[in-house]
């Protein structure tokens, strides 16, 4: 790869989608402990949107964003992952402290790389790592089991749809919410699709489950977490694993707002990195048709500004994916 160049979407500063510029950069030089990945697809995430907007003070510009990617090892420094190995990578300061997946090639720490055995199309594979690993980890954090009742708030987000898919495959009775009535049909595989318009959710939910759900997976976050604590059954668990409404709960008083016996927890995406065995199980479930990848749209790398604008305008129902060409094929 010496002296070769690549296309990359570079975030040149904080601002709107237009601060993402498609540039020609040198292909990164391999160094000890890091391997070069030919990126075949990357999922878009709202954390990248916030970084681009300037809300991540540790992210220095210019930066190639992208906290996840899938692709092929182009140059390896790890004998366990020779050239040609299909891999995924997620988190671990990728796209933040060092350049990430918005490029044709990414130089990544070997510790982040997860070998994957898969024949899925690249766009489908790219939709899985951050989204499905987050959904899986959040459900594990809740301690969910068969015959439990689960409420997912933010059900039409990519993680919400992934969590519903996993729960459905496990035989768990699930309700999920959307704020928009026109998106109710997107909640496929959910036993009880609900519109959360800020008014009647509690009544509708208790008409289904008089005592409330056993668990609430709250992907909206700051604006709904306290309400979720009121909705869950006595002794149930609320897990916040998303921040669609922001990072901080205003005037939060734990003793007053957490009912006695109710458990309030969170799942942090930082724990996703290097979880190859779980990702392989997820890929196997998708290939078997038990999990649904829920892709909203695939963009080309050259269309990264349009992709970010689409994400920022909350137009997506499901996962947004970028591939170098924008094609949905392997």
C-alpha atoms as a PDB file:
ATOM      1  CA  UNK A   1       0.000   0.000   0.000  1.00  0.00           C
ATOM      2  CA  UNK A   2       3.071   2.285   0.050  1.00  0.00           C
ATOM      3  CA  UNK A   3       2.547   5.668  -1.613  1.00  0.00           C
ATOM      4  CA  UNK A   4      -1.085   4.895  -2.391  1.00  0.00           C
ATOM      5  CA  UNK A   5      -3.941   7.194  -1.563  1.00  0.00           C
ATOM      6  CA  UNK A   6      -7.505   6.661  -0.432  1.00  0.00           C
ATOM      7  CA  UNK A   7     -10.748   8.574  -0.210  1.00  0.00           C
ATOM      8  CA  UNK A   8     -11.849   9.611   3.277  1.00  0.00           C
ATOM      9  CA  UNK A   9     -14.571  11.820   4.705  1.00  0.00           C
ATOM     10  CA  UNK A  10     -12.719  14.261   6.946  1.00  0.00           C
ATOM     11  CA  UNK A  11     -14.484  16.299   9.609  1.00  0.00           C
ATOM     12  CA  UNK A  12     -12.574  19.574   9.315  1.00  0.00           C
ATOM     13  CA  UNK A  13     -14.189  21.298  12.299  1.00  0.00           C
ATOM     14  CA  UNK A  14     -17.311  21.541  14.420  1.00  0.00           C
ATOM     15  CA  UNK A  15     -20.478  22.407  12.558  1.00  0.00           C
ATOM     16  CA  UNK A  16     -23.215  21.177  10.245  1.00  0.00           C
ATOM     17  CA  UNK A  17     -22.993  18.240   7.841  1.00  0.00           C
ATOM     18  CA  UNK A  18     -21.054  20.391   5.366  1.00  0.00           C
ATOM     19  CA  UNK A  19     -17.930  20.217   7.587  1.00  0.00           C
ATOM     20  CA  UNK A  20     -17.504  16.625   6.348  1.00  0.00           C
ATOM     21  CA  UNK A  21     -15.248  16.891   3.289  1.00  0.00           C
ATOM     22  CA  UNK A  22     -14.351  14.077   0.923  1.00  0.00           C
ATOM     23  CA  UNK A  23     -10.565  14.182   0.577  1.00  0.00           C
ATOM     24  CA  UNK A  24      -7.717  12.191  -0.889  1.00  0.00           C
ATOM     25  CA  UNK A  25      -5.392  11.034   1.910  1.00  0.00           C
ATOM     26  CA  UNK A  26      -2.379   8.722   2.086  1.00  0.00           C
ATOM     27  CA  UNK A  27      -3.232   5.155   3.022  1.00  0.00           C
ATOM     28  CA  UNK A  28      -2.045   4.825   6.663  1.00  0.00           C
ATOM     29  CA  UNK A  29       1.298   3.106   7.201  1.00  0.00           C
ATOM     30  CA  UNK A  30       1.141  -0.068   9.275  1.00  0.00           C
ATOM     31  CA  UNK A  31       2.900  -0.001  12.636  1.00  0.00           C
ATOM     32  CA  UNK A  32       3.417  -2.591  15.399  1.00  0.00           C
ATOM     33  CA  UNK A  33       0.190  -3.624  17.122  1.00  0.00           C
ATOM     34  CA  UNK A  34      -1.986  -2.071  14.407  1.00  0.00           C
ATOM     35  CA  UNK A  35      -3.324  -3.589  11.182  1.00  0.00           C
ATOM     36  CA  UNK A  36      -4.689  -2.000   8.032  1.00  0.00           C
ATOM     37  CA  UNK A  37      -8.330  -2.723   7.171  1.00  0.00           C
ATOM     38  CA  UNK A  38      -9.879  -2.178   3.775  1.00  0.00           C
ATOM     39  CA  UNK A  39     -13.223  -0.754   4.868  1.00  0.00           C
ATOM     40  CA  UNK A  40     -16.217  -2.321   3.149  1.00  0.00           C
ATOM     41  CA  UNK A  41     -18.903  -0.648   5.240  1.00  0.00           C
ATOM     42  CA  UNK A  42     -19.510   1.453   8.322  1.00  0.00           C
ATOM     43  CA  UNK A  43     -22.661   2.078  10.325  1.00  0.00           C
ATOM     44  CA  UNK A  44     -23.566   5.665  11.162  1.00  0.00           C
ATOM     45  CA  UNK A  45     -24.128   6.556  14.818  1.00  0.00           C
ATOM     46  CA  UNK A  46     -25.459   9.578  16.643  1.00  0.00           C
ATOM     47  CA  UNK A  47     -22.252   9.813  18.658  1.00  0.00           C
ATOM     48  CA  UNK A  48     -20.525  10.756  15.384  1.00  0.00           C
ATOM     49  CA  UNK A  49     -23.179  13.391  14.785  1.00  0.00           C
ATOM     50  CA  UNK A  50     -22.501  14.886  18.218  1.00  0.00           C
ATOM     51  CA  UNK A  51     -18.752  14.756  17.665  1.00  0.00           C
ATOM     52  CA  UNK A  52     -19.212  16.552  14.360  1.00  0.00           C
ATOM     53  CA  UNK A  53     -21.347  19.194  16.081  1.00  0.00           C
ATOM     54  CA  UNK A  54     -18.543  19.839  18.576  1.00  0.00           C
ATOM     55  CA  UNK A  55     -20.123  18.204  21.628  1.00  0.00           C
ATOM     56  CA  UNK A  56     -17.200  15.811  22.201  1.00  0.00           C
ATOM     57  CA  UNK A  57     -14.374  17.924  23.661  1.00  0.00           C
ATOM     58  CA  UNK A  58     -11.799  15.134  23.376  1.00  0.00           C
ATOM     59  CA  UNK A  59     -12.250  14.861  19.596  1.00  0.00           C
ATOM     60  CA  UNK A  60      -9.708  17.033  17.808  1.00  0.00           C
ATOM     61  CA  UNK A  61     -10.192  18.185  14.211  1.00  0.00           C
ATOM     62  CA  UNK A  62      -9.474  17.373  11.496  1.00  0.00           C
ATOM     63  CA  UNK A  63     -10.619  13.802  12.141  1.00  0.00           C
ATOM     64  CA  UNK A  64     -11.943  10.880  10.115  1.00  0.00           C
ATOM     65  CA  UNK A  65     -15.009   9.933  12.155  1.00  0.00           C
ATOM     66  CA  UNK A  66     -16.623   6.496  12.411  1.00  0.00           C
ATOM     67  CA  UNK A  67     -16.782   4.423  15.597  1.00  0.00           C
ATOM     68  CA  UNK A  68     -17.298   1.123  13.752  1.00  0.00           C
ATOM     69  CA  UNK A  69     -16.551  -0.602  10.478  1.00  0.00           C
ATOM     70  CA  UNK A  70     -16.358  -3.958   8.740  1.00  0.00           C
ATOM     71  CA  UNK A  71     -13.901  -4.979   6.082  1.00  0.00           C
ATOM     72  CA  UNK A  72     -10.914  -7.096   5.101  1.00  0.00           C
ATOM     73  CA  UNK A  73      -7.416  -7.140   6.559  1.00  0.00           C
ATOM     74  CA  UNK A  74      -5.178  -5.536   3.929  1.00  0.00           C
ATOM     75  CA  UNK A  75      -1.934  -5.613   5.933  1.00  0.00           C
ATOM     76  CA  UNK A  76      -1.611  -7.498   9.214  1.00  0.00           C
ATOM     77  CA  UNK A  77       0.693  -7.379  12.225  1.00  0.00           C
ATOM     78  CA  UNK A  78      -1.204 -10.185  14.005  1.00  0.00           C
ATOM     79  CA  UNK A  79      -0.644 -13.777  12.856  1.00  0.00           C
ATOM     80  CA  UNK A  80      -4.135 -14.698  14.087  1.00  0.00           C
ATOM     81  CA  UNK A  81      -5.649 -12.362  11.481  1.00  0.00           C
ATOM     82  CA  UNK A  82      -3.792 -12.804   8.182  1.00  0.00           C
ATOM     83  CA  UNK A  83      -4.456 -10.689   5.123  1.00  0.00           C
ATOM     84  CA  UNK A  84      -7.888 -11.402   3.660  1.00  0.00           C
ATOM     85  CA  UNK A  85      -9.566 -12.031   7.036  1.00  0.00           C
ATOM     86  CA  UNK A  86     -13.034 -10.506   7.381  1.00  0.00           C
ATOM     87  CA  UNK A  87     -13.133  -8.350  10.503  1.00  0.00           C
ATOM     88  CA  UNK A  88     -15.300  -5.878  12.376  1.00  0.00           C
ATOM     89  CA  UNK A  89     -14.220  -3.146  14.768  1.00  0.00           C
ATOM     90  CA  UNK A  90     -16.157  -0.926  17.126  1.00  0.00           C
ATOM     91  CA  UNK A  91     -15.464   1.738  19.769  1.00  0.00           C
ATOM     92  CA  UNK A  92     -12.139   1.865  21.627  1.00  0.00           C
ATOM     93  CA  UNK A  93     -11.664   5.566  20.694  1.00  0.00           C
ATOM     94  CA  UNK A  94     -11.964   4.686  17.010  1.00  0.00           C
ATOM     95  CA  UNK A  95     -12.966   7.802  15.076  1.00  0.00           C
ATOM     96  CA  UNK A  96     -12.229   9.900  18.130  1.00  0.00           C
ATOM     97  CA  UNK A  97      -8.610   9.611  19.319  1.00  0.00           C
ATOM     98  CA  UNK A  98      -7.566   8.146  15.952  1.00  0.00           C
ATOM     99  CA  UNK A  99      -9.144   7.991  12.498  1.00  0.00           C
ATOM    100  CA  UNK A 100     -12.128   5.702  12.043  1.00  0.00           C
ATOM    101  CA  UNK A 101     -14.395   4.105   9.494  1.00  0.00           C
ATOM    102  CA  UNK A 102     -15.354   6.995   7.180  1.00  0.00           C
ATOM    103  CA  UNK A 103     -12.630   6.007   4.719  1.00  0.00           C
ATOM    104  CA  UNK A 104     -11.577   3.368   2.222  1.00  0.00           C
ATOM    105  CA  UNK A 105      -8.882   2.159   4.652  1.00  0.00           C
ATOM    106  CA  UNK A 106      -8.517   2.377   8.427  1.00  0.00           C
ATOM    107  CA  UNK A 107      -5.446   1.639  10.556  1.00  0.00           C
ATOM    108  CA  UNK A 108      -6.803   0.033  13.720  1.00  0.00           C
ATOM    109  CA  UNK A 109      -5.394  -1.526  16.912  1.00  0.00           C
ATOM    110  CA  UNK A 110      -5.331  -5.314  16.747  1.00  0.00           C
ATOM    111  CA  UNK A 111      -7.132  -5.396  20.096  1.00  0.00           C
ATOM    112  CA  UNK A 112     -10.221  -3.889  18.436  1.00  0.00           C
ATOM    113  CA  UNK A 113     -10.397  -6.263  15.495  1.00  0.00           C
ATOM    114  CA  UNK A 114     -12.973  -9.047  15.642  1.00  0.00           C
ATOM    115  CA  UNK A 115     -12.621 -11.809  13.028  1.00  0.00           C
ATOM    116  CA  UNK A 116     -16.012 -12.751  11.579  1.00  0.00           C
ATOM    117  CA  UNK A 117     -17.029 -15.761   9.514  1.00  0.00           C
ATOM    118  CA  UNK A 118     -19.829 -14.472   7.298  1.00  0.00           C
ATOM    119  CA  UNK A 119     -21.218 -14.453   3.770  1.00  0.00           C
ATOM    120  CA  UNK A 120     -23.628 -11.575   4.502  1.00  0.00           C
ATOM    121  CA  UNK A 121     -23.593  -8.624   2.088  1.00  0.00           C
ATOM    122  CA  UNK A 122     -21.245  -5.894   3.309  1.00  0.00           C
ATOM    123  CA  UNK A 123     -24.051  -3.428   3.988  1.00  0.00           C
ATOM    124  CA  UNK A 124     -25.866  -5.984   6.158  1.00  0.00           C
ATOM    125  CA  UNK A 125     -22.714  -6.923   8.047  1.00  0.00           C
ATOM    126  CA  UNK A 126     -21.902  -3.226   8.546  1.00  0.00           C
ATOM    127  CA  UNK A 127     -25.317  -2.687  10.156  1.00  0.00           C
ATOM    128  CA  UNK A 128     -24.623  -5.163  12.961  1.00  0.00           C
ATOM    129  CA  UNK A 129     -21.597  -4.430  15.206  1.00  0.00           C
ATOM    130  CA  UNK A 130     -22.459  -1.347  17.274  1.00  0.00           C
ATOM    131  CA  UNK A 131     -26.229  -1.751  16.982  1.00  0.00           C
ATOM    132  CA  UNK A 132     -26.628  -5.434  17.760  1.00  0.00           C
ATOM    133  CA  UNK A 133     -23.816  -5.600  20.302  1.00  0.00           C
ATOM    134  CA  UNK A 134     -25.430  -2.667  22.156  1.00  0.00           C
ATOM    135  CA  UNK A 135     -28.871  -4.281  22.032  1.00  0.00           C
ATOM    136  CA  UNK A 136     -27.467  -7.620  23.186  1.00  0.00           C
ATOM    137  CA  UNK A 137     -25.445  -6.048  25.991  1.00  0.00           C
ATOM    138  CA  UNK A 138     -28.378  -3.960  27.218  1.00  0.00           C
ATOM    139  CA  UNK A 139     -30.680  -6.987  27.345  1.00  0.00           C
ATOM    140  CA  UNK A 140     -28.009  -8.928  29.228  1.00  0.00           C
ATOM    141  CA  UNK A 141     -27.665  -6.012  31.656  1.00  0.00           C
ATOM    142  CA  UNK A 142     -31.417  -6.117  32.259  1.00  0.00           C
ATOM    143  CA  UNK A 143     -31.153  -9.832  33.014  1.00  0.00           C
ATOM    144  CA  UNK A 144     -34.066 -10.556  30.718  1.00  0.00           C
ATOM    145  CA  UNK A 145     -35.441 -14.075  30.493  1.00  0.00           C
ATOM    146  CA  UNK A 146     -38.206 -15.967  28.706  1.00  0.00           C
ATOM    147  CA  UNK A 147     -41.720 -15.025  29.883  1.00  0.00           C
ATOM    148  CA  UNK A 148     -40.516 -11.554  30.957  1.00  0.00           C
ATOM    149  CA  UNK A 149     -42.316  -8.477  29.648  1.00  0.00           C
ATOM    150  CA  UNK A 150     -40.124  -5.863  27.987  1.00  0.00           C
ATOM    151  CA  UNK A 151     -40.843  -2.248  27.062  1.00  0.00           C
ATOM    152  CA  UNK A 152     -38.472  -0.626  24.546  1.00  0.00           C
ATOM    153  CA  UNK A 153     -38.605   3.172  24.423  1.00  0.00           C
ATOM    154  CA  UNK A 154     -37.180   4.527  21.193  1.00  0.00           C
ATOM    155  CA  UNK A 155     -38.315   1.410  19.370  1.00  0.00           C
ATOM    156  CA  UNK A 156     -37.729   2.659  15.814  1.00  0.00           C
ATOM    157  CA  UNK A 157     -34.074   3.534  16.479  1.00  0.00           C
ATOM    158  CA  UNK A 158     -31.561   1.060  15.099  1.00  0.00           C
ATOM    159  CA  UNK A 159     -30.799  -0.298  18.580  1.00  0.00           C
ATOM    160  CA  UNK A 160     -34.515  -0.445  19.422  1.00  0.00           C
ATOM    161  CA  UNK A 161     -35.274  -2.525  16.349  1.00  0.00           C
ATOM    162  CA  UNK A 162     -32.299  -4.776  17.074  1.00  0.00           C
ATOM    163  CA  UNK A 163     -33.425  -5.283  20.687  1.00  0.00           C
ATOM    164  CA  UNK A 164     -36.941  -6.134  19.518  1.00  0.00           C
ATOM    165  CA  UNK A 165     -35.519  -8.634  17.033  1.00  0.00           C
ATOM    166  CA  UNK A 166     -33.419 -10.340  19.716  1.00  0.00           C
ATOM    167  CA  UNK A 167     -36.313 -10.353  22.202  1.00  0.00           C
ATOM    168  CA  UNK A 168     -38.697 -11.799  19.620  1.00  0.00           C
ATOM    169  CA  UNK A 169     -36.261 -14.608  18.818  1.00  0.00           C
ATOM    170  CA  UNK A 170     -36.074 -15.406  22.545  1.00  0.00           C
ATOM    171  CA  UNK A 171     -39.857 -15.568  22.905  1.00  0.00           C
ATOM    172  CA  UNK A 172     -40.089 -12.455  25.095  1.00  0.00           C
ATOM    173  CA  UNK A 173     -43.326 -10.463  25.056  1.00  0.00           C
ATOM    174  CA  UNK A 174     -42.388  -6.993  23.920  1.00  0.00           C
ATOM    175  CA  UNK A 175     -43.933  -3.535  23.677  1.00  0.00           C
ATOM    176  CA  UNK A 176     -42.079  -0.779  21.844  1.00  0.00           C
ATOM    177  CA  UNK A 177     -42.721   2.908  21.347  1.00  0.00           C
ATOM    178  CA  UNK A 178     -42.368   5.499  18.644  1.00  0.00           C
ATOM    179  CA  UNK A 179     -43.145   9.187  18.931  1.00  0.00           C
ATOM    180  CA  UNK A 180     -44.485   9.286  15.379  1.00  0.00           C
ATOM    181  CA  UNK A 181     -47.743   7.548  14.400  1.00  0.00           C
ATOM    182  CA  UNK A 182     -46.517   7.238  10.795  1.00  0.00           C
ATOM    183  CA  UNK A 183     -43.716   4.942  11.994  1.00  0.00           C
ATOM    184  CA  UNK A 184     -45.861   2.484  13.940  1.00  0.00           C
ATOM    185  CA  UNK A 185     -45.699  -0.045  11.076  1.00  0.00           C
ATOM    186  CA  UNK A 186     -41.910  -0.096  11.388  1.00  0.00           C
ATOM    187  CA  UNK A 187     -42.224  -1.907  14.729  1.00  0.00           C
ATOM    188  CA  UNK A 188     -42.347  -5.290  13.054  1.00  0.00           C
ATOM    189  CA  UNK A 189     -42.126  -8.346  15.269  1.00  0.00           C
ATOM    190  CA  UNK A 190     -43.241  -6.331  18.316  1.00  0.00           C
ATOM    191  CA  UNK A 191     -46.242  -7.695  20.216  1.00  0.00           C
ATOM    192  CA  UNK A 192     -47.520  -4.277  21.265  1.00  0.00           C
ATOM    193  CA  UNK A 193     -46.518  -1.260  19.100  1.00  0.00           C
ATOM    194  CA  UNK A 194     -47.326   1.972  20.954  1.00  0.00           C
ATOM    195  CA  UNK A 195     -47.250   5.671  20.136  1.00  0.00           C
ATOM    196  CA  UNK A 196     -45.501   7.658  22.873  1.00  0.00           C
ATOM    197  CA  UNK A 197     -47.009  11.104  22.410  1.00  0.00           C
ATOM    198  CA  UNK A 198     -46.318  12.269  25.964  1.00  0.00           C
ATOM    199  CA  UNK A 199     -49.868  11.638  27.097  1.00  0.00           C
ATOM    200  CA  UNK A 200     -51.455   8.183  27.074  1.00  0.00           C
ATOM    201  CA  UNK A 201     -48.513   5.771  27.220  1.00  0.00           C
ATOM    202  CA  UNK A 202     -49.033   4.800  30.872  1.00  0.00           C
ATOM    203  CA  UNK A 203     -52.726   4.038  30.331  1.00  0.00           C
ATOM    204  CA  UNK A 204     -52.096   2.011  27.175  1.00  0.00           C
ATOM    205  CA  UNK A 205     -49.240   0.102  28.775  1.00  0.00           C
ATOM    206  CA  UNK A 206     -51.177  -0.760  31.932  1.00  0.00           C
ATOM    207  CA  UNK A 207     -54.100  -1.916  29.824  1.00  0.00           C
ATOM    208  CA  UNK A 208     -51.710  -4.523  28.405  1.00  0.00           C
ATOM    209  CA  UNK A 209     -49.744  -5.261  31.582  1.00  0.00           C
ATOM    210  CA  UNK A 210     -51.637  -4.006  34.652  1.00  0.00           C
ATOM    211  CA  UNK A 211     -48.568  -4.281  36.884  1.00  0.00           C
ATOM    212  CA  UNK A 212     -46.272  -2.805  34.264  1.00  0.00           C
ATOM    213  CA  UNK A 213     -43.399  -4.364  32.318  1.00  0.00           C
ATOM    214  CA  UNK A 214     -40.699  -6.354  34.083  1.00  0.00           C
ATOM    215  CA  UNK A 215     -38.014  -4.409  32.244  1.00  0.00           C
ATOM    216  CA  UNK A 216     -37.690  -1.131  30.379  1.00  0.00           C
ATOM    217  CA  UNK A 217     -34.938  -0.603  27.827  1.00  0.00           C
ATOM    218  CA  UNK A 218     -34.835   3.180  27.518  1.00  0.00           C
ATOM    219  CA  UNK A 219     -33.048   4.382  24.389  1.00  0.00           C
ATOM    220  CA  UNK A 220     -34.528   7.885  24.512  1.00  0.00           C
ATOM    221  CA  UNK A 221     -32.660   8.541  27.745  1.00  0.00           C
ATOM    222  CA  UNK A 222     -32.615  11.842  29.541  1.00  0.00           C
ATOM    223  CA  UNK A 223     -36.173  13.015  28.851  1.00  0.00           C
ATOM    224  CA  UNK A 224     -37.904   9.691  29.554  1.00  0.00           C
ATOM    225  CA  UNK A 225     -35.784   7.875  32.167  1.00  0.00           C
ATOM    226  CA  UNK A 226     -37.697   9.159  35.194  1.00  0.00           C
ATOM    227  CA  UNK A 227     -41.018   8.300  33.536  1.00  0.00           C
ATOM    228  CA  UNK A 228     -39.682   4.811  32.757  1.00  0.00           C
ATOM    229  CA  UNK A 229     -39.003   4.331  36.466  1.00  0.00           C
ATOM    230  CA  UNK A 230     -42.683   5.027  37.075  1.00  0.00           C
ATOM    231  CA  UNK A 231     -43.844   2.668  34.333  1.00  0.00           C
ATOM    232  CA  UNK A 232     -41.841  -0.433  35.280  1.00  0.00           C
ATOM    233  CA  UNK A 233     -43.443  -2.892  37.692  1.00  0.00           C
ATOM    234  CA  UNK A 234     -42.440  -2.692  41.371  1.00  0.00           C
ATOM    235  CA  UNK A 235     -39.051  -4.361  41.677  1.00  0.00           C
ATOM    236  CA  UNK A 236     -38.456  -4.210  37.916  1.00  0.00           C
ATOM    237  CA  UNK A 237     -35.407  -2.878  36.099  1.00  0.00           C
ATOM    238  CA  UNK A 238     -34.838   0.153  33.884  1.00  0.00           C
ATOM    239  CA  UNK A 239     -31.724   0.229  31.693  1.00  0.00           C
ATOM    240  CA  UNK A 240     -30.738   3.416  29.871  1.00  0.00           C
ATOM    241  CA  UNK A 241     -28.680   2.496  26.812  1.00  0.00           C
ATOM    242  CA  UNK A 242     -29.289   5.462  24.517  1.00  0.00           C
ATOM    243  CA  UNK A 243     -29.271   9.228  24.502  1.00  0.00           C
ATOM    244  CA  UNK A 244     -31.660  10.238  21.727  1.00  0.00           C
ATOM    245  CA  UNK A 245     -32.861  13.106  23.936  1.00  0.00           C
ATOM    246  CA  UNK A 246     -29.473  14.153  25.333  1.00  0.00           C
ATOM    247  CA  UNK A 247     -26.990  13.158  28.020  1.00  0.00           C
ATOM    248  CA  UNK A 248     -28.188  14.619  31.324  1.00  0.00           C
ATOM    249  CA  UNK A 249     -31.323  14.218  33.451  1.00  0.00           C
ATOM    250  CA  UNK A 250     -32.171  17.649  34.808  1.00  0.00           C
ATOM    251  CA  UNK A 251     -32.749  17.976  38.586  1.00  0.00           C
ATOM    252  CA  UNK A 252     -32.414  14.234  39.112  1.00  0.00           C
ATOM    253  CA  UNK A 253     -33.070  13.179  42.727  1.00  0.00           C
ATOM    254  CA  UNK A 254     -32.377   9.432  43.035  1.00  0.00           C
ATOM    255  CA  UNK A 255     -34.089   8.804  46.381  1.00  0.00           C
ATOM    256  CA  UNK A 256     -37.229  10.641  45.332  1.00  0.00           C
ATOM    257  CA  UNK A 257     -37.345   9.400  41.731  1.00  0.00           C
ATOM    258  CA  UNK A 258     -36.292   5.747  41.949  1.00  0.00           C
ATOM    259  CA  UNK A 259     -39.140   3.719  43.531  1.00  0.00           C
ATOM    260  CA  UNK A 260     -38.089   1.466  46.386  1.00  0.00           C
ATOM    261  CA  UNK A 261     -36.882  -1.882  45.083  1.00  0.00           C
ATOM    262  CA  UNK A 262     -36.735  -0.751  41.463  1.00  0.00           C
ATOM    263  CA  UNK A 263     -33.359  -1.157  39.783  1.00  0.00           C
ATOM    264  CA  UNK A 264     -31.913   1.616  37.617  1.00  0.00           C
ATOM    265  CA  UNK A 265     -28.879   0.794  35.494  1.00  0.00           C
ATOM    266  CA  UNK A 266     -27.135   1.631  32.228  1.00  0.00           C
ATOM    267  CA  UNK A 267     -25.258  -0.105  29.456  1.00  0.00           C
ATOM    268  CA  UNK A 268     -22.125   1.597  28.161  1.00  0.00           C
ATOM    269  CA  UNK A 269     -21.004   1.004  24.586  1.00  0.00           C
ATOM    270  CA  UNK A 270     -17.351   1.098  25.684  1.00  0.00           C
ATOM    271  CA  UNK A 271     -17.734  -2.541  26.697  1.00  0.00           C
ATOM    272  CA  UNK A 272     -18.448  -3.580  23.080  1.00  0.00           C
ATOM    273  CA  UNK A 273     -14.878  -3.647  21.804  1.00  0.00           C
ATOM    274  CA  UNK A 274     -13.262  -6.995  21.089  1.00  0.00           C
ATOM    275  CA  UNK A 275     -16.399  -9.085  21.707  1.00  0.00           C
ATOM    276  CA  UNK A 276     -15.847 -11.389  18.738  1.00  0.00           C
ATOM    277  CA  UNK A 277     -17.700 -14.439  20.097  1.00  0.00           C
ATOM    278  CA  UNK A 278     -20.912 -12.486  20.711  1.00  0.00           C
ATOM    279  CA  UNK A 279     -20.701 -10.764  17.331  1.00  0.00           C
ATOM    280  CA  UNK A 280     -20.257 -14.135  15.612  1.00  0.00           C
ATOM    281  CA  UNK A 281     -23.397 -15.454  17.335  1.00  0.00           C
ATOM    282  CA  UNK A 282     -25.285 -12.363  16.156  1.00  0.00           C
ATOM    283  CA  UNK A 283     -24.064 -12.860  12.584  1.00  0.00           C
ATOM    284  CA  UNK A 284     -25.115 -16.522  12.723  1.00  0.00           C
ATOM    285  CA  UNK A 285     -28.605 -15.533  13.932  1.00  0.00           C
ATOM    286  CA  UNK A 286     -28.953 -13.009  11.101  1.00  0.00           C
ATOM    287  CA  UNK A 287     -27.830 -15.576   8.537  1.00  0.00           C
ATOM    288  CA  UNK A 288     -30.379 -18.037   9.962  1.00  0.00           C
ATOM    289  CA  UNK A 289     -33.145 -15.448   9.617  1.00  0.00           C
ATOM    290  CA  UNK A 290     -33.830 -15.177  13.351  1.00  0.00           C
ATOM    291  CA  UNK A 291     -32.531 -11.595  13.688  1.00  0.00           C
ATOM    292  CA  UNK A 292     -33.416  -8.759  11.296  1.00  0.00           C
ATOM    293  CA  UNK A 293     -30.708  -6.227  10.327  1.00  0.00           C
ATOM    294  CA  UNK A 294     -33.249  -3.349   9.823  1.00  0.00           C
ATOM    295  CA  UNK A 295     -31.319  -1.187   7.363  1.00  0.00           C
ATOM    296  CA  UNK A 296     -33.009   2.097   6.491  1.00  0.00           C
ATOM    297  CA  UNK A 297     -30.671   3.335   3.754  1.00  0.00           C
ATOM    298  CA  UNK A 298     -27.207   2.765   2.311  1.00  0.00           C
ATOM    299  CA  UNK A 299     -25.130   5.795   1.279  1.00  0.00           C
ATOM    300  CA  UNK A 300     -21.874   6.031  -0.620  1.00  0.00           C
ATOM    301  CA  UNK A 301     -18.820   7.582   1.020  1.00  0.00           C
ATOM    302  CA  UNK A 302     -19.152  10.486  -1.416  1.00  0.00           C
ATOM    303  CA  UNK A 303     -22.651  11.113  -0.010  1.00  0.00           C
ATOM    304  CA  UNK A 304     -21.552  11.432   3.621  1.00  0.00           C
ATOM    305  CA  UNK A 305     -22.936  14.985   3.925  1.00  0.00           C
ATOM    306  CA  UNK A 306     -26.380  13.810   2.775  1.00  0.00           C
ATOM    307  CA  UNK A 307     -26.141  10.838   5.122  1.00  0.00           C
ATOM    308  CA  UNK A 308     -25.403  13.050   8.140  1.00  0.00           C
ATOM    309  CA  UNK A 309     -28.160  15.468   7.170  1.00  0.00           C
ATOM    310  CA  UNK A 310     -30.591  12.535   6.920  1.00  0.00           C
ATOM    311  CA  UNK A 311     -29.505  11.325  10.370  1.00  0.00           C
ATOM    312  CA  UNK A 312     -29.635  14.794  11.922  1.00  0.00           C
ATOM    313  CA  UNK A 313     -33.172  15.344  10.608  1.00  0.00           C
ATOM    314  CA  UNK A 314     -34.306  12.090  12.292  1.00  0.00           C
ATOM    315  CA  UNK A 315     -35.492  10.662   8.987  1.00  0.00           C
ATOM    316  CA  UNK A 316     -34.162   7.149   9.579  1.00  0.00           C
ATOM    317  CA  UNK A 317     -36.115   4.187  10.852  1.00  0.00           C
ATOM    318  CA  UNK A 318     -33.375   1.682  11.510  1.00  0.00           C
ATOM    319  CA  UNK A 319     -29.690   1.683  10.650  1.00  0.00           C
ATOM    320  CA  UNK A 320     -27.883   3.954   8.223  1.00  0.00           C
ATOM    321  CA  UNK A 321     -24.876   2.411   6.498  1.00  0.00           C
ATOM    322  CA  UNK A 322     -22.085   3.881   4.373  1.00  0.00           C
ATOM    323  CA  UNK A 323     -20.140   1.774   1.889  1.00  0.00           C
ATOM    324  CA  UNK A 324     -17.361   3.059  -0.380  1.00  0.00           C
ATOM    325  CA  UNK A 325     -19.615   2.808  -3.445  1.00  0.00           C
ATOM    326  CA  UNK A 326     -23.055   2.960  -1.850  1.00  0.00           C
ATOM    327  CA  UNK A 327     -23.884  -0.458  -3.335  1.00  0.00           C
ATOM    328  CA  UNK A 328     -25.770  -3.082  -1.348  1.00  0.00           C
ATOM    329  CA  UNK A 329     -23.655  -6.095  -2.262  1.00  0.00           C
ATOM    330  CA  UNK A 330     -20.655  -8.154  -1.171  1.00  0.00           C
END
